[in-house]
Structures are given as structure tokens and as C-alpha cells.
Amino acid sequence: MNMPFSRPGAVDLSGLKRPATGGPQASASRGTDGANGAYSIEVSEQNFQAVVESSMTAPVVLVVYSPSRLPASAQLADDFGTVADELEGRILVGRIDVDSQPAIAQALQVQSVPLVLLLLQGRPAPLLQDAPPLEELRTLMSQLVEQLTAQGMTTRHEPLGGAQEEADDVDGDQTDPRYAPAEEALVAGDVDQAVAEYQKLVDANPADAEAALGLSRAKLMQRTQGVDLASARATAAEHPDDVDAQLLVADLDLLGGHVDDAFDRVLDLVRRTAGDERDRARMHLIELFAVVGNEDARVRRGRQNLASALF
């Protein structure tokens, strides 16, 4: 599923109060139902502005729910909190109970629940209007994070409230200095340097799974940098046997969130080619699997289809 990155106008916040102290962390302990996690916060009029402002540095997902009118929407808010913790700060979840926060509901022009909005740099875009199961939500949000990373958005939120010290003790990966040069290069838009930095890490330790994943994703960005999508698609359509053209469109499909389309295009090449060309297509597909992640259901299906195509 391709993520909707259109950005309508900013939310009208004029009727809401400014927070007494800076940052959403200041109000994390004031959630109404104790459902806050390390990266999930119950939103009120007092902290709404701070939550929106936190989207200037990293993505925020607003989950609008009503425990009285639709209990499934409250479960969705809980599931988003679970996924946010698993993503370790790549998103912050703001839970909005429309029953207790009618002014926020009015500001967001909420018509029904559940409603899930993505906030990037203070601007909202619709993300969901249903309540998918947790596993589907994990896949959806992993895809979202991949797209944002491909666009150079790699900044993380800090854990909320008392979760900061616990997170520092339990998991130091997000501040691991080994990955800092590559991540800084991505933020600066220097994809070539990011590839070089990740390659150094992989050369030094081929078993470093995070570096290998970063290298695969950075190479995907490098291959597609500056490519015009319409032109690439036209070339691939005119030259169906041009392996380079087909692989480039597969890269662009993956970057745009069309994972199955990307896999199917390369699988078709594997079936139609032989020798070196077939091996190129096979290895390229394996690299795309690595970009998406081996735990993704689409990758598992893709591997099965690849095995069928080869044998």
C-alpha cells in the first residue's frame, strides 16, 4: 500500500492552549488511561501544540478514537503505541480521545472514528480510517518508516517521561556512534557518502545486520536518485527485455511503497531470462528482499515465488 504523502493545510490551533512547559514529554504523565508508552502520549489541549511541534523533527501519528462509541478504535490506539515502541522512536503516537477532547476533534475536523493522521513538519495527511489488526499495522508502519528513510527522514523521537533512562539502559542501538556518519550523510542528502559509510561497516563486520540493511537501503536511494519516474516507466514499457530498465522501475516501485509490484516485476524477469541476466535479476530481487526485511509477509511470499521461478 502506498503511503499518502499529500500535505493539506496546517491544523488550526488558534483555539487551543499553549503548553506550560516545552515538549510533549512534559505532559506524558497526564494521560487519561495510563496507556502511554515510551513513544505514545495521551493528547490534551495543554500538550497538543507541543505534540504537533514535535513533528518538525520526526513523524507524529495522531490516532483519534472513542472508547465509548467504538471500543475497536481504542484498541487501535493501543496497537499504535505497541508499534511505536517497537520502532524505537521513528514515530511518536498521539492518542486523542474525542469524548474527552472535543476541541481537538473540532480543530482536526473529525467526522468519524477511528481516524489516523500522519503529521510531518506540522502538516497533517490522512493515513487510516479503519482499524487493521496488529500484524497488518506493523507491516504498514514499517513501510511508512522505509519511505521516510528513503526520503532522508531518519531523526528519532526521544522516549517520553521516565522511559528515557530505561531506554538508555536497555537499548543503546539508536545512539550507536558506528552508524552516525552514515545517518548524518542521509540527513544531509549525500547518498553516495552514506553508501560509502555503510560499506565500511559491512566490510569490517559482514555479520552486522543493521549495517547491511542500511547499505541495501542507501544503495536503493543511490540507484534511483534523480530518476524521473514517468520516463523510467515509459522506457521499461517500450523495452520489456531491457533488464536495466525493468530493475530501475522495480526500485522506484519499492521506493514508492509498491512492494508487491516491485517483486513481481523482477520475478517476471527471472522467469523470462537466462544465464547472467537471470542471475542479475535474482540477486537484485534478493537485495530488494533485504530492503523490506525478512520478517515481512510479502518477502516470505516473494522468496517462495522466487524458488518456484528458479526450480
C-alpha atoms as a PDB file:
ATOM      1  CA  MET A   1       0.000   0.000   0.000  1.00  0.00           C
ATOM      2  CA  ASN A   2       1.434   3.349  -0.967  1.00  0.00           C
ATOM      3  CA  MET A   3       1.510   5.882   1.834  1.00  0.00           C
ATOM      4  CA  PRO A   4      -0.482   9.097   1.221  1.00  0.00           C
ATOM      5  CA  PHE A   5       2.127  11.833   1.486  1.00  0.00           C
ATOM      6  CA  SER A   6      -0.065  14.671   0.256  1.00  0.00           C
ATOM      7  CA  ARG A   7       0.036  17.535   2.710  1.00  0.00           C
ATOM      8  CA  PRO A   8      -3.129  19.602   3.191  1.00  0.00           C
ATOM      9  CA  GLY A   9      -3.103  22.858   5.106  1.00  0.00           C
ATOM     10  CA  ALA A  10      -1.919  23.046   8.685  1.00  0.00           C
ATOM     11  CA  VAL A  11      -4.340  22.366  11.526  1.00  0.00           C
ATOM     12  CA  ASP A  12      -5.923  25.497  13.005  1.00  0.00           C
ATOM     13  CA  LEU A  13      -4.514  25.571  16.541  1.00  0.00           C
ATOM     14  CA  SER A  14      -5.657  29.055  17.482  1.00  0.00           C
ATOM     15  CA  GLY A  15      -8.346  27.833  19.896  1.00  0.00           C
ATOM     16  CA  LEU A  16      -6.053  25.526  21.840  1.00  0.00           C
ATOM     17  CA  LYS A  17      -3.850  26.351  24.795  1.00  0.00           C
ATOM     18  CA  ARG A  18      -0.085  26.516  24.661  1.00  0.00           C
ATOM     19  CA  PRO A  19       1.758  24.023  26.871  1.00  0.00           C
ATOM     20  CA  ALA A  20       3.047  25.337  30.186  1.00  0.00           C
ATOM     21  CA  THR A  21       6.431  23.675  29.621  1.00  0.00           C
ATOM     22  CA  GLY A  22       8.277  22.629  26.493  1.00  0.00           C
ATOM     23  CA  GLY A  23       7.933  19.317  24.653  1.00  0.00           C
ATOM     24  CA  PRO A  24       5.308  16.611  24.740  1.00  0.00           C
ATOM     25  CA  GLN A  25       7.298  14.806  27.435  1.00  0.00           C
ATOM     26  CA  ALA A  26       6.210  17.408  29.944  1.00  0.00           C
ATOM     27  CA  SER A  27       2.621  16.184  29.792  1.00  0.00           C
ATOM     28  CA  ALA A  28       3.215  12.479  29.248  1.00  0.00           C
ATOM     29  CA  SER A  29       2.306  11.628  32.821  1.00  0.00           C
ATOM     30  CA  ARG A  30      -1.119  13.274  32.465  1.00  0.00           C
ATOM     31  CA  GLY A  31      -2.630  10.659  30.116  1.00  0.00           C
ATOM     32  CA  THR A  32      -6.189   9.753  30.994  1.00  0.00           C
ATOM     33  CA  ASP A  33      -5.959   5.983  30.909  1.00  0.00           C
ATOM     34  CA  GLY A  34      -2.381   5.036  31.673  1.00  0.00           C
ATOM     35  CA  ALA A  35      -1.848   3.735  28.138  1.00  0.00           C
ATOM     36  CA  ASN A  36       1.199   5.890  27.437  1.00  0.00           C
ATOM     37  CA  GLY A  37       4.339   4.056  26.332  1.00  0.00           C
ATOM     38  CA  ALA A  38       7.857   5.176  25.601  1.00  0.00           C
ATOM     39  CA  TYR A  39       6.663   6.750  22.339  1.00  0.00           C
ATOM     40  CA  SER A  40       2.915   7.179  22.911  1.00  0.00           C
ATOM     41  CA  ILE A  41       1.157  10.058  24.636  1.00  0.00           C
ATOM     42  CA  GLU A  42      -2.443  10.924  25.517  1.00  0.00           C
ATOM     43  CA  VAL A  43      -3.100  14.283  23.850  1.00  0.00           C
ATOM     44  CA  SER A  44      -4.902  17.123  25.631  1.00  0.00           C
ATOM     45  CA  GLU A  45      -5.454  20.802  24.890  1.00  0.00           C
ATOM     46  CA  GLN A  46      -2.451  21.555  27.084  1.00  0.00           C
ATOM     47  CA  ASN A  47       0.056  19.430  25.164  1.00  0.00           C
ATOM     48  CA  PHE A  48      -1.473  19.305  21.673  1.00  0.00           C
ATOM     49  CA  GLN A  49       0.619  22.177  20.346  1.00  0.00           C
ATOM     50  CA  ALA A  50       3.812  20.588  21.676  1.00  0.00           C
ATOM     51  CA  VAL A  51       2.938  17.256  20.075  1.00  0.00           C
ATOM     52  CA  VAL A  52       2.328  18.961  16.724  1.00  0.00           C
ATOM     53  CA  GLU A  53       5.581  20.893  17.010  1.00  0.00           C
ATOM     54  CA  SER A  54       7.483  17.660  17.661  1.00  0.00           C
ATOM     55  CA  SER A  55       6.577  16.624  14.103  1.00  0.00           C
ATOM     56  CA  MET A  56       9.013  19.270  12.867  1.00  0.00           C
ATOM     57  CA  THR A  57      11.892  16.896  13.646  1.00  0.00           C
ATOM     58  CA  ALA A  58      10.357  13.400  13.299  1.00  0.00           C
ATOM     59  CA  PRO A  59       6.986  11.966  12.203  1.00  0.00           C
ATOM     60  CA  VAL A  60       3.985  12.022  14.528  1.00  0.00           C
ATOM     61  CA  VAL A  61       0.945   9.788  14.115  1.00  0.00           C
ATOM     62  CA  LEU A  62      -2.319  11.067  15.627  1.00  0.00           C
ATOM     63  CA  VAL A  63      -4.808   8.317  16.467  1.00  0.00           C
ATOM     64  CA  VAL A  64      -8.311   9.670  17.042  1.00  0.00           C
ATOM     65  CA  TYR A  65     -10.508   7.226  18.953  1.00  0.00           C
ATOM     66  CA  SER A  66     -13.616   6.899  21.127  1.00  0.00           C
ATOM     67  CA  PRO A  67     -13.671   4.159  23.784  1.00  0.00           C
ATOM     68  CA  SER A  68     -17.393   4.691  24.401  1.00  0.00           C
ATOM     69  CA  ARG A  69     -18.609   4.808  20.802  1.00  0.00           C
ATOM     70  CA  LEU A  70     -16.204   2.334  19.202  1.00  0.00           C
ATOM     71  CA  PRO A  71     -14.040   0.194  21.517  1.00  0.00           C
ATOM     72  CA  ALA A  72     -12.121  -1.126  18.492  1.00  0.00           C
ATOM     73  CA  SER A  73     -10.774   2.380  17.923  1.00  0.00           C
ATOM     74  CA  ALA A  74      -9.318   2.398  21.447  1.00  0.00           C
ATOM     75  CA  GLN A  75      -7.630  -0.932  20.684  1.00  0.00           C
ATOM     76  CA  LEU A  76      -6.203   0.640  17.537  1.00  0.00           C
ATOM     77  CA  ALA A  77      -4.675   3.416  19.659  1.00  0.00           C
ATOM     78  CA  ASP A  78      -3.139   0.772  21.941  1.00  0.00           C
ATOM     79  CA  ASP A  79      -1.778  -1.143  18.936  1.00  0.00           C
ATOM     80  CA  PHE A  80      -0.200   2.010  17.530  1.00  0.00           C
ATOM     81  CA  GLY A  81       1.522   2.519  20.863  1.00  0.00           C
ATOM     82  CA  THR A  82       2.893  -1.023  20.684  1.00  0.00           C
ATOM     83  CA  VAL A  83       4.213  -0.481  17.166  1.00  0.00           C
ATOM     84  CA  ALA A  84       5.714   2.892  18.107  1.00  0.00           C
ATOM     85  CA  ASP A  85       7.691   1.247  20.923  1.00  0.00           C
ATOM     86  CA  GLU A  86       8.909  -1.436  18.518  1.00  0.00           C
ATOM     87  CA  LEU A  87      10.065   1.229  16.057  1.00  0.00           C
ATOM     88  CA  GLU A  88      12.115   2.839  18.838  1.00  0.00           C
ATOM     89  CA  GLY A  89      11.299   6.464  18.227  1.00  0.00           C
ATOM     90  CA  ARG A  90      10.909   6.553  14.471  1.00  0.00           C
ATOM     91  CA  ILE A  91       7.344   7.742  15.138  1.00  0.00           C
ATOM     92  CA  LEU A  92       5.568   9.357  18.088  1.00  0.00           C
ATOM     93  CA  VAL A  93       1.927   8.388  18.626  1.00  0.00           C
ATOM     94  CA  GLY A  94      -0.513  10.979  19.901  1.00  0.00           C
ATOM     95  CA  ARG A  95      -3.714   9.379  21.231  1.00  0.00           C
ATOM     96  CA  ILE A  96      -6.764  11.647  21.002  1.00  0.00           C
ATOM     97  CA  ASP A  97      -9.930  10.612  22.862  1.00  0.00           C
ATOM     98  CA  VAL A  98     -12.623  12.633  21.104  1.00  0.00           C
ATOM     99  CA  ASP A  99     -15.041  12.092  24.018  1.00  0.00           C
ATOM    100  CA  SER A 100     -12.794  13.978  26.430  1.00  0.00           C
ATOM    101  CA  GLN A 101     -11.121  16.312  23.914  1.00  0.00           C
ATOM    102  CA  PRO A 102     -13.924  17.818  21.768  1.00  0.00           C
ATOM    103  CA  ALA A 103     -11.942  20.987  21.000  1.00  0.00           C
ATOM    104  CA  ILE A 104      -9.150  18.963  19.421  1.00  0.00           C
ATOM    105  CA  ALA A 105     -11.691  16.922  17.464  1.00  0.00           C
ATOM    106  CA  GLN A 106     -13.146  20.172  16.157  1.00  0.00           C
ATOM    107  CA  ALA A 107      -9.713  21.538  15.234  1.00  0.00           C
ATOM    108  CA  LEU A 108      -8.964  18.351  13.292  1.00  0.00           C
ATOM    109  CA  GLN A 109     -12.438  18.362  11.695  1.00  0.00           C
ATOM    110  CA  VAL A 110     -13.032  14.785  12.818  1.00  0.00           C
ATOM    111  CA  GLN A 111     -16.120  13.289  11.168  1.00  0.00           C
ATOM    112  CA  SER A 112     -15.830   9.704  12.417  1.00  0.00           C
ATOM    113  CA  VAL A 113     -13.574   7.366  14.368  1.00  0.00           C
ATOM    114  CA  PRO A 114     -11.159   5.820  14.069  1.00  0.00           C
ATOM    115  CA  LEU A 115      -9.120   8.420  12.228  1.00  0.00           C
ATOM    116  CA  VAL A 116      -5.346   8.259  11.890  1.00  0.00           C
ATOM    117  CA  LEU A 117      -3.340  11.234  10.643  1.00  0.00           C
ATOM    118  CA  LEU A 118       0.336  11.491   9.792  1.00  0.00           C
ATOM    119  CA  LEU A 119       1.988  14.758  10.843  1.00  0.00           C
ATOM    120  CA  LEU A 120       5.140  15.826   9.023  1.00  0.00           C
ATOM    121  CA  GLN A 121       6.549  19.255   9.840  1.00  0.00           C
ATOM    122  CA  GLY A 122       3.270  20.320  11.402  1.00  0.00           C
ATOM    123  CA  ARG A 123       1.081  19.364   8.445  1.00  0.00           C
ATOM    124  CA  PRO A 124      -1.454  16.514   8.579  1.00  0.00           C
ATOM    125  CA  ALA A 125      -2.183  13.875   5.953  1.00  0.00           C
ATOM    126  CA  PRO A 126      -4.784  11.093   6.261  1.00  0.00           C
ATOM    127  CA  LEU A 127      -3.299   7.675   6.938  1.00  0.00           C
ATOM    128  CA  LEU A 128      -6.118   5.323   8.028  1.00  0.00           C
ATOM    129  CA  GLN A 129      -9.847   5.359   8.638  1.00  0.00           C
ATOM    130  CA  ASP A 130     -10.198   1.768   9.759  1.00  0.00           C
ATOM    131  CA  ALA A 131      -8.699  -0.485  12.438  1.00  0.00           C
ATOM    132  CA  PRO A 132      -6.448  -3.134  10.872  1.00  0.00           C
ATOM    133  CA  PRO A 133      -5.107  -5.979  13.034  1.00  0.00           C
ATOM    134  CA  LEU A 134      -1.790  -5.510  14.808  1.00  0.00           C
ATOM    135  CA  GLU A 135       0.281  -7.559  12.343  1.00  0.00           C
ATOM    136  CA  GLU A 136      -1.054  -5.593   9.382  1.00  0.00           C
ATOM    137  CA  LEU A 137      -0.388  -2.378  11.268  1.00  0.00           C
ATOM    138  CA  ARG A 138       3.205  -3.442  11.871  1.00  0.00           C
ATOM    139  CA  THR A 139       3.692  -4.014   8.153  1.00  0.00           C
ATOM    140  CA  LEU A 140       2.030  -0.723   7.262  1.00  0.00           C
ATOM    141  CA  MET A 141       4.147   1.326   9.642  1.00  0.00           C
ATOM    142  CA  SER A 142       7.366  -0.449   8.692  1.00  0.00           C
ATOM    143  CA  GLN A 143       6.619   0.511   5.099  1.00  0.00           C
ATOM    144  CA  LEU A 144       5.967   4.093   6.142  1.00  0.00           C
ATOM    145  CA  VAL A 145       9.276   4.286   8.000  1.00  0.00           C
ATOM    146  CA  GLU A 146      11.089   2.815   4.981  1.00  0.00           C
ATOM    147  CA  GLN A 147       9.645   5.505   2.723  1.00  0.00           C
ATOM    148  CA  LEU A 148      10.555   8.264   5.145  1.00  0.00           C
ATOM    149  CA  THR A 149      14.080   6.883   5.484  1.00  0.00           C
ATOM    150  CA  ALA A 150      14.392   6.794   1.708  1.00  0.00           C
ATOM    151  CA  GLN A 151      13.481  10.496   1.722  1.00  0.00           C
ATOM    152  CA  GLY A 152      16.244  11.192   4.235  1.00  0.00           C
ATOM    153  CA  MET A 153      13.998  11.437   7.308  1.00  0.00           C
ATOM    154  CA  THR A 154      15.982   9.454   9.890  1.00  0.00           C
ATOM    155  CA  THR A 155      15.592  11.523  13.065  1.00  0.00           C
ATOM    156  CA  ARG A 156      14.064   9.758  16.094  1.00  0.00           C
ATOM    157  CA  HIS A 157      11.922  10.971  18.960  1.00  0.00           C
ATOM    158  CA  GLU A 158      13.303  10.729  22.469  1.00  0.00           C
ATOM    159  CA  PRO A 159      11.485   8.322  24.826  1.00  0.00           C
ATOM    160  CA  LEU A 160       8.769  10.033  26.856  1.00  0.00           C
ATOM    161  CA  GLY A 161       8.947  10.730  30.560  1.00  0.00           C
ATOM    162  CA  GLY A 162      10.565   8.104  32.758  1.00  0.00           C
ATOM    163  CA  ALA A 163      11.097   5.807  29.773  1.00  0.00           C
ATOM    164  CA  GLN A 164      14.238   7.778  28.866  1.00  0.00           C
ATOM    165  CA  GLU A 165      16.528   6.204  31.471  1.00  0.00           C
ATOM    166  CA  GLU A 166      15.100   2.714  30.887  1.00  0.00           C
ATOM    167  CA  ALA A 167      15.583   3.012  27.142  1.00  0.00           C
ATOM    168  CA  ASP A 168      19.147   4.196  27.595  1.00  0.00           C
ATOM    169  CA  ASP A 169      19.897   1.191  29.824  1.00  0.00           C
ATOM    170  CA  VAL A 170      18.151  -1.427  27.710  1.00  0.00           C
ATOM    171  CA  ASP A 171      18.904  -0.364  24.150  1.00  0.00           C
ATOM    172  CA  GLY A 172      21.804   1.764  23.021  1.00  0.00           C
ATOM    173  CA  ASP A 173      21.452   0.939  19.323  1.00  0.00           C
ATOM    174  CA  GLN A 174      19.723   4.165  18.366  1.00  0.00           C
ATOM    175  CA  THR A 175      22.696   6.168  19.607  1.00  0.00           C
ATOM    176  CA  ASP A 176      25.378   3.740  18.395  1.00  0.00           C
ATOM    177  CA  PRO A 177      28.141   6.033  17.109  1.00  0.00           C
ATOM    178  CA  ARG A 178      29.143   3.500  14.444  1.00  0.00           C
ATOM    179  CA  TYR A 179      26.081   4.380  12.379  1.00  0.00           C
ATOM    180  CA  ALA A 180      26.198   8.126  12.960  1.00  0.00           C
ATOM    181  CA  PRO A 181      28.324   9.067   9.892  1.00  0.00           C
ATOM    182  CA  ALA A 182      26.009   7.162   7.527  1.00  0.00           C
ATOM    183  CA  GLU A 183      22.844   8.554   9.113  1.00  0.00           C
ATOM    184  CA  GLU A 184      24.231  12.080   9.084  1.00  0.00           C
ATOM    185  CA  ALA A 185      25.076  11.694   5.398  1.00  0.00           C
ATOM    186  CA  LEU A 186      21.485  10.621   4.676  1.00  0.00           C
ATOM    187  CA  VAL A 187      20.096  13.593   6.564  1.00  0.00           C
ATOM    188  CA  ALA A 188      22.410  15.871   4.564  1.00  0.00           C
ATOM    189  CA  GLY A 189      21.202  14.277   1.327  1.00  0.00           C
ATOM    190  CA  ASP A 190      24.633  12.830   0.494  1.00  0.00           C
ATOM    191  CA  VAL A 191      23.544   9.336  -0.537  1.00  0.00           C
ATOM    192  CA  ASP A 192      26.937   8.420  -2.044  1.00  0.00           C
ATOM    193  CA  GLN A 193      28.653   9.160   1.261  1.00  0.00           C
ATOM    194  CA  ALA A 194      26.027   7.153   3.145  1.00  0.00           C
ATOM    195  CA  VAL A 195      26.683   4.154   0.892  1.00  0.00           C
ATOM    196  CA  ALA A 196      30.415   4.512   1.474  1.00  0.00           C
ATOM    197  CA  GLU A 197      29.977   4.710   5.269  1.00  0.00           C
ATOM    198  CA  TYR A 198      27.675   1.688   5.411  1.00  0.00           C
ATOM    199  CA  GLN A 199      30.033  -0.229   3.120  1.00  0.00           C
ATOM    200  CA  LYS A 200      32.902   0.397   5.554  1.00  0.00           C
ATOM    201  CA  LEU A 201      30.829  -1.097   8.363  1.00  0.00           C
ATOM    202  CA  VAL A 202      29.842  -4.149   6.327  1.00  0.00           C
ATOM    203  CA  ASP A 203      33.446  -4.713   5.197  1.00  0.00           C
ATOM    204  CA  ALA A 204      34.612  -4.517   8.803  1.00  0.00           C
ATOM    205  CA  ASN A 205      31.867  -6.835  10.083  1.00  0.00           C
ATOM    206  CA  PRO A 206      29.862  -8.782   7.473  1.00  0.00           C
ATOM    207  CA  ALA A 207      27.619 -10.078  10.278  1.00  0.00           C
ATOM    208  CA  ASP A 208      26.416  -6.559  11.161  1.00  0.00           C
ATOM    209  CA  ALA A 209      22.770  -6.938  10.114  1.00  0.00           C
ATOM    210  CA  GLU A 210      21.868  -3.295  10.759  1.00  0.00           C
ATOM    211  CA  ALA A 211      24.750  -2.040   8.633  1.00  0.00           C
ATOM    212  CA  ALA A 212      23.838  -4.473   5.856  1.00  0.00           C
ATOM    213  CA  LEU A 213      20.230  -3.264   5.944  1.00  0.00           C
ATOM    214  CA  GLY A 214      21.366   0.356   5.887  1.00  0.00           C
ATOM    215  CA  LEU A 215      23.646  -0.377   2.936  1.00  0.00           C
ATOM    216  CA  SER A 216      20.831  -2.026   0.958  1.00  0.00           C
ATOM    217  CA  ARG A 217      18.502   0.913   1.559  1.00  0.00           C
ATOM    218  CA  ALA A 218      21.164   3.509   0.801  1.00  0.00           C
ATOM    219  CA  LYS A 219      22.020   1.718  -2.451  1.00  0.00           C
ATOM    220  CA  LEU A 220      18.341   1.760  -3.402  1.00  0.00           C
ATOM    221  CA  MET A 221      18.288   5.523  -2.878  1.00  0.00           C
ATOM    222  CA  GLN A 222      21.531   5.856  -4.843  1.00  0.00           C
ATOM    223  CA  ARG A 223      20.179   3.904  -7.830  1.00  0.00           C
ATOM    224  CA  THR A 224      17.010   5.985  -8.006  1.00  0.00           C
ATOM    225  CA  GLN A 225      18.451   9.396  -7.220  1.00  0.00           C
ATOM    226  CA  GLY A 226      17.378  11.989  -9.766  1.00  0.00           C
ATOM    227  CA  VAL A 227      15.421   9.469 -11.864  1.00  0.00           C
ATOM    228  CA  ASP A 228      12.189  10.659 -13.479  1.00  0.00           C
ATOM    229  CA  LEU A 229       9.511   8.068 -12.686  1.00  0.00           C
ATOM    230  CA  ALA A 230       7.364   8.684 -15.783  1.00  0.00           C
ATOM    231  CA  SER A 231      10.362   8.476 -18.102  1.00  0.00           C
ATOM    232  CA  ALA A 232      11.632   5.300 -16.446  1.00  0.00           C
ATOM    233  CA  ARG A 233       8.232   3.635 -16.766  1.00  0.00           C
ATOM    234  CA  ALA A 234       7.936   4.644 -20.417  1.00  0.00           C
ATOM    235  CA  THR A 235      11.375   3.192 -21.197  1.00  0.00           C
ATOM    236  CA  ALA A 236      10.548  -0.060 -19.422  1.00  0.00           C
ATOM    237  CA  ALA A 237       7.251  -0.349 -21.313  1.00  0.00           C
ATOM    238  CA  GLU A 238       8.945   0.242 -24.667  1.00  0.00           C
ATOM    239  CA  HIS A 239      11.795  -2.185 -23.916  1.00  0.00           C
ATOM    240  CA  PRO A 240      10.386  -5.116 -21.925  1.00  0.00           C
ATOM    241  CA  ASP A 241      13.585  -7.150 -22.416  1.00  0.00           C
ATOM    242  CA  ASP A 242      15.885  -4.384 -21.137  1.00  0.00           C
ATOM    243  CA  VAL A 243      16.948  -5.757 -17.757  1.00  0.00           C
ATOM    244  CA  ASP A 244      18.366  -2.450 -16.531  1.00  0.00           C
ATOM    245  CA  ALA A 245      15.133  -0.629 -17.366  1.00  0.00           C
ATOM    246  CA  GLN A 246      12.982  -3.212 -15.605  1.00  0.00           C
ATOM    247  CA  LEU A 247      15.164  -3.289 -12.490  1.00  0.00           C
ATOM    248  CA  LEU A 248      15.117   0.503 -12.264  1.00  0.00           C
ATOM    249  CA  VAL A 249      11.307   0.601 -12.297  1.00  0.00           C
ATOM    250  CA  ALA A 250      11.253  -2.144  -9.666  1.00  0.00           C
ATOM    251  CA  ASP A 251      13.493   0.052  -7.490  1.00  0.00           C
ATOM    252  CA  LEU A 252      11.178   3.017  -7.995  1.00  0.00           C
ATOM    253  CA  ASP A 253       8.125   0.895  -7.190  1.00  0.00           C
ATOM    254  CA  LEU A 254       9.713  -0.266  -3.958  1.00  0.00           C
ATOM    255  CA  LEU A 255      10.712   3.266  -3.039  1.00  0.00           C
ATOM    256  CA  GLY A 256       7.134   4.377  -3.630  1.00  0.00           C
ATOM    257  CA  GLY A 257       5.728   1.638  -1.416  1.00  0.00           C
ATOM    258  CA  HIS A 258       4.516  -0.660  -4.210  1.00  0.00           C
ATOM    259  CA  VAL A 259       6.333  -3.651  -2.770  1.00  0.00           C
ATOM    260  CA  ASP A 260       4.425  -6.450  -4.496  1.00  0.00           C
ATOM    261  CA  ASP A 261       4.654  -4.665  -7.851  1.00  0.00           C
ATOM    262  CA  ALA A 262       8.425  -4.390  -7.466  1.00  0.00           C
ATOM    263  CA  PHE A 263       8.798  -8.051  -6.539  1.00  0.00           C
ATOM    264  CA  ASP A 264       6.503  -9.229  -9.361  1.00  0.00           C
ATOM    265  CA  ARG A 265       8.398  -7.224 -11.974  1.00  0.00           C
ATOM    266  CA  VAL A 266      11.738  -8.778 -11.039  1.00  0.00           C
ATOM    267  CA  LEU A 267      10.199 -12.251 -10.687  1.00  0.00           C
ATOM    268  CA  ASP A 268       8.929 -11.899 -14.240  1.00  0.00           C
ATOM    269  CA  LEU A 269      12.492 -11.137 -15.344  1.00  0.00           C
ATOM    270  CA  VAL A 270      13.762 -14.235 -13.549  1.00  0.00           C
ATOM    271  CA  ARG A 271      11.206 -16.344 -15.393  1.00  0.00           C
ATOM    272  CA  ARG A 272      11.920 -14.803 -18.817  1.00  0.00           C
ATOM    273  CA  THR A 273      15.706 -14.560 -18.770  1.00  0.00           C
ATOM    274  CA  ALA A 274      18.621 -16.987 -18.609  1.00  0.00           C
ATOM    275  CA  GLY A 275      22.310 -17.045 -17.763  1.00  0.00           C
ATOM    276  CA  ASP A 276      23.899 -13.861 -16.457  1.00  0.00           C
ATOM    277  CA  GLU A 277      20.754 -11.783 -16.928  1.00  0.00           C
ATOM    278  CA  ARG A 278      18.723 -14.225 -14.874  1.00  0.00           C
ATOM    279  CA  ASP A 279      21.366 -14.233 -12.152  1.00  0.00           C
ATOM    280  CA  ARG A 280      21.379 -10.420 -12.090  1.00  0.00           C
ATOM    281  CA  ALA A 281      17.615 -10.353 -11.675  1.00  0.00           C
ATOM    282  CA  ARG A 282      17.765 -12.988  -8.929  1.00  0.00           C
ATOM    283  CA  MET A 283      20.432 -11.126  -6.953  1.00  0.00           C
ATOM    284  CA  HIS A 284      18.593  -7.829  -7.379  1.00  0.00           C
ATOM    285  CA  LEU A 285      15.405  -9.357  -6.017  1.00  0.00           C
ATOM    286  CA  ILE A 286      17.270 -10.731  -3.011  1.00  0.00           C
ATOM    287  CA  GLU A 287      18.592  -7.232  -2.334  1.00  0.00           C
ATOM    288  CA  LEU A 288      15.057  -5.833  -2.511  1.00  0.00           C
ATOM    289  CA  PHE A 289      14.001  -8.514  -0.015  1.00  0.00           C
ATOM    290  CA  ALA A 290      16.705  -7.203   2.315  1.00  0.00           C
ATOM    291  CA  VAL A 291      15.425  -3.633   1.983  1.00  0.00           C
ATOM    292  CA  VAL A 292      11.909  -4.633   3.026  1.00  0.00           C
ATOM    293  CA  GLY A 293      13.012  -7.033   5.775  1.00  0.00           C
ATOM    294  CA  ASN A 294      12.930 -10.800   6.083  1.00  0.00           C
ATOM    295  CA  GLU A 295      10.067 -10.781   8.597  1.00  0.00           C
ATOM    296  CA  ASP A 296       7.676  -9.094   6.170  1.00  0.00           C
ATOM    297  CA  ALA A 297       4.957 -11.428   4.853  1.00  0.00           C
ATOM    298  CA  ARG A 298       5.467 -10.081   1.333  1.00  0.00           C
ATOM    299  CA  VAL A 299       9.132 -11.072   1.464  1.00  0.00           C
ATOM    300  CA  ARG A 300       8.228 -14.579   2.598  1.00  0.00           C
ATOM    301  CA  ARG A 301       5.818 -14.880  -0.329  1.00  0.00           C
ATOM    302  CA  GLY A 302       8.416 -13.407  -2.653  1.00  0.00           C
ATOM    303  CA  ARG A 303      11.008 -15.959  -1.591  1.00  0.00           C
ATOM    304  CA  GLN A 304       8.562 -18.788  -2.238  1.00  0.00           C
ATOM    305  CA  ASN A 305       7.757 -17.373  -5.663  1.00  0.00           C
ATOM    306  CA  LEU A 306      11.454 -16.987  -6.447  1.00  0.00           C
ATOM    307  CA  ALA A 307      12.103 -20.605  -5.543  1.00  0.00           C
ATOM    308  CA  SER A 308       9.236 -21.666  -7.838  1.00  0.00           C
ATOM    309  CA  ALA A 309      10.591 -19.497 -10.656  1.00  0.00           C
ATOM    310  CA  LEU A 310      14.086 -20.949 -10.328  1.00  0.00           C
ATOM    311  CA  PHE A 311      13.124 -24.585  -9.953  1.00  0.00           C
END
